[in-house]
Amino acid sequence: MRKFGKDAPELFSFQLQGDKKVYKIPLAASLPYSILRKMQLHSNDESEFDVQVEMLRKYMGDVVDELDTITLSDILKAWGVASSDQGAEVGES
């Protein structure tokens, strides 16, 4: 019998300027299906950025609300590149 389980997710790790905390976000292929599907459904529409920020908030907490748009975009772009390097396609922000 085959067993399916939760393997350790592939993570994108980063720090914010002036912060010692290391934030970790699962790469796209390691995201829960419900989150990835929501991101796919909203790729290339006006709510895409909001859906991606919602994903960041899940893994980073309320600190996301304190970040400016440029920082959020930079994090999402770097996460997208890292996810693509692992074979998962994510939308552009």
C-alpha atoms as a PDB file:
ATOM      1  CA  MET A   1       0.000   0.000   0.000  1.00  0.00           C
ATOM      2  CA  ARG A   2       1.239   3.469  -0.844  1.00  0.00           C
ATOM      3  CA  LYS A   3       1.192   6.058   1.881  1.00  0.00           C
ATOM      4  CA  PHE A   4       0.784   9.724   1.153  1.00  0.00           C
ATOM      5  CA  GLY A   5       1.778  12.286   3.699  1.00  0.00           C
ATOM      6  CA  LYS A   6       3.041  15.704   4.309  1.00  0.00           C
ATOM      7  CA  ASP A   7       6.623  15.915   3.204  1.00  0.00           C
ATOM      8  CA  ALA A   8       8.646  18.836   4.440  1.00  0.00           C
ATOM      9  CA  PRO A   9       7.683  21.728   2.188  1.00  0.00           C
ATOM     10  CA  GLU A  10      10.206  23.539   0.038  1.00  0.00           C
ATOM     11  CA  LEU A  11      10.496  26.994   1.577  1.00  0.00           C
ATOM     12  CA  PHE A  12      11.444  30.484   0.434  1.00  0.00           C
ATOM     13  CA  SER A  13      13.284  32.186   3.315  1.00  0.00           C
ATOM     14  CA  PHE A  14      14.046  35.884   3.628  1.00  0.00           C
ATOM     15  CA  GLN A  15      14.524  38.748   6.052  1.00  0.00           C
ATOM     16  CA  LEU A  16      13.126  42.249   6.043  1.00  0.00           C
ATOM     17  CA  GLN A  17      15.581  45.157   6.189  1.00  0.00           C
ATOM     18  CA  GLY A  18      16.482  45.861   9.821  1.00  0.00           C
ATOM     19  CA  ASP A  19      14.725  42.738  11.138  1.00  0.00           C
ATOM     20  CA  LYS A  20      16.537  39.691  12.500  1.00  0.00           C
ATOM     21  CA  LYS A  21      13.534  37.405  12.033  1.00  0.00           C
ATOM     22  CA  VAL A  22      13.706  34.954   9.140  1.00  0.00           C
ATOM     23  CA  TYR A  23      10.367  34.570   7.367  1.00  0.00           C
ATOM     24  CA  LYS A  24       9.587  31.323   5.564  1.00  0.00           C
ATOM     25  CA  ILE A  25       6.913  30.833   2.923  1.00  0.00           C
ATOM     26  CA  PRO A  26       6.240  27.554   1.133  1.00  0.00           C
ATOM     27  CA  LEU A  27       7.121  27.642  -2.552  1.00  0.00           C
ATOM     28  CA  ALA A  28       4.111  27.381  -4.860  1.00  0.00           C
ATOM     29  CA  ALA A  29       4.384  23.602  -5.300  1.00  0.00           C
ATOM     30  CA  SER A  30       4.361  23.191  -1.492  1.00  0.00           C
ATOM     31  CA  LEU A  31       1.402  25.497  -0.780  1.00  0.00           C
ATOM     32  CA  PRO A  32      -1.842  23.932   0.374  1.00  0.00           C
ATOM     33  CA  TYR A  33      -4.013  23.246  -2.669  1.00  0.00           C
ATOM     34  CA  SER A  34      -6.735  25.694  -1.569  1.00  0.00           C
ATOM     35  CA  ILE A  35      -4.289  28.614  -1.491  1.00  0.00           C
ATOM     36  CA  LEU A  36      -2.571  27.724  -4.757  1.00  0.00           C
ATOM     37  CA  ARG A  37      -5.922  27.232  -6.515  1.00  0.00           C
ATOM     38  CA  LYS A  38      -7.175  30.608  -5.333  1.00  0.00           C
ATOM     39  CA  MET A  39      -3.987  32.208  -6.639  1.00  0.00           C
ATOM     40  CA  GLN A  40      -4.400  30.448  -9.984  1.00  0.00           C
ATOM     41  CA  LEU A  41      -8.031  31.518 -10.304  1.00  0.00           C
ATOM     42  CA  HIS A  42      -7.076  35.157  -9.800  1.00  0.00           C
ATOM     43  CA  SER A  43      -3.893  35.211 -11.870  1.00  0.00           C
ATOM     44  CA  ASN A  44      -3.910  38.016 -14.410  1.00  0.00           C
ATOM     45  CA  ASP A  45      -6.930  39.802 -12.947  1.00  0.00           C
ATOM     46  CA  GLU A  46      -7.244  42.863 -10.745  1.00  0.00           C
ATOM     47  CA  SER A  47      -7.417  40.901  -7.485  1.00  0.00           C
ATOM     48  CA  GLU A  48      -4.234  38.869  -8.104  1.00  0.00           C
ATOM     49  CA  PHE A  49      -2.053  41.106  -5.907  1.00  0.00           C
ATOM     50  CA  ASP A  50      -4.623  40.999  -3.069  1.00  0.00           C
ATOM     51  CA  VAL A  51      -4.741  37.197  -3.189  1.00  0.00           C
ATOM     52  CA  GLN A  52      -0.948  37.006  -3.091  1.00  0.00           C
ATOM     53  CA  VAL A  53      -0.794  39.428  -0.139  1.00  0.00           C
ATOM     54  CA  GLU A  54      -3.405  37.286   1.622  1.00  0.00           C
ATOM     55  CA  MET A  55      -1.052  34.308   1.175  1.00  0.00           C
ATOM     56  CA  LEU A  56       1.844  36.321   2.636  1.00  0.00           C
ATOM     57  CA  ARG A  57      -0.303  37.342   5.605  1.00  0.00           C
ATOM     58  CA  LYS A  58      -0.988  33.666   6.363  1.00  0.00           C
ATOM     59  CA  TYR A  59       2.729  32.932   6.710  1.00  0.00           C
ATOM     60  CA  MET A  60       4.104  36.291   7.895  1.00  0.00           C
ATOM     61  CA  GLY A  61       1.280  37.541  10.091  1.00  0.00           C
ATOM     62  CA  ASP A  62       0.227  41.143  10.559  1.00  0.00           C
ATOM     63  CA  VAL A  63       3.685  42.509   9.679  1.00  0.00           C
ATOM     64  CA  VAL A  64       2.438  42.371   6.068  1.00  0.00           C
ATOM     65  CA  ASP A  65       0.086  45.264   6.807  1.00  0.00           C
ATOM     66  CA  GLU A  66       3.074  47.454   7.713  1.00  0.00           C
ATOM     67  CA  LEU A  67       4.966  46.845   4.442  1.00  0.00           C
ATOM     68  CA  ASP A  68       4.833  49.203   1.497  1.00  0.00           C
ATOM     69  CA  THR A  69       3.713  48.078  -1.941  1.00  0.00           C
ATOM     70  CA  ILE A  70       7.245  48.039  -3.352  1.00  0.00           C
ATOM     71  CA  THR A  71       8.472  45.707  -0.595  1.00  0.00           C
ATOM     72  CA  LEU A  72       5.461  43.423  -1.019  1.00  0.00           C
ATOM     73  CA  SER A  73       6.021  43.308  -4.781  1.00  0.00           C
ATOM     74  CA  ASP A  74       9.724  42.542  -4.324  1.00  0.00           C
ATOM     75  CA  ILE A  75       8.955  39.671  -1.933  1.00  0.00           C
ATOM     76  CA  LEU A  76       6.317  38.240  -4.279  1.00  0.00           C
ATOM     77  CA  LYS A  77       8.594  38.497  -7.318  1.00  0.00           C
ATOM     78  CA  ALA A  78      11.452  36.746  -5.503  1.00  0.00           C
ATOM     79  CA  TRP A  79       9.041  34.067  -4.233  1.00  0.00           C
ATOM     80  CA  GLY A  80       7.698  33.610  -7.775  1.00  0.00           C
ATOM     81  CA  VAL A  81      11.204  33.171  -9.201  1.00  0.00           C
ATOM     82  CA  ALA A  82      12.120  30.662  -6.477  1.00  0.00           C
ATOM     83  CA  SER A  83       8.849  28.786  -7.094  1.00  0.00           C
ATOM     84  CA  SER A  84       9.452  28.737 -10.853  1.00  0.00           C
ATOM     85  CA  ASP A  85      12.964  27.389 -10.240  1.00  0.00           C
ATOM     86  CA  GLN A  86      11.245  24.464  -8.490  1.00  0.00           C
ATOM     87  CA  GLY A  87       8.950  23.898 -11.483  1.00  0.00           C
ATOM     88  CA  ALA A  88       5.783  25.656 -10.308  1.00  0.00           C
ATOM     89  CA  GLU A  89       4.298  28.472 -12.348  1.00  0.00           C
ATOM     90  CA  VAL A  90       2.805  31.384 -10.462  1.00  0.00           C
ATOM     91  CA  GLY A  91       1.108  34.529 -11.728  1.00  0.00           C
ATOM     92  CA  GLU A  92       2.861  37.824 -12.259  1.00  0.00           C
ATOM     93  CA  SER A  93       2.164  40.716  -9.943  1.00  0.00           C
END
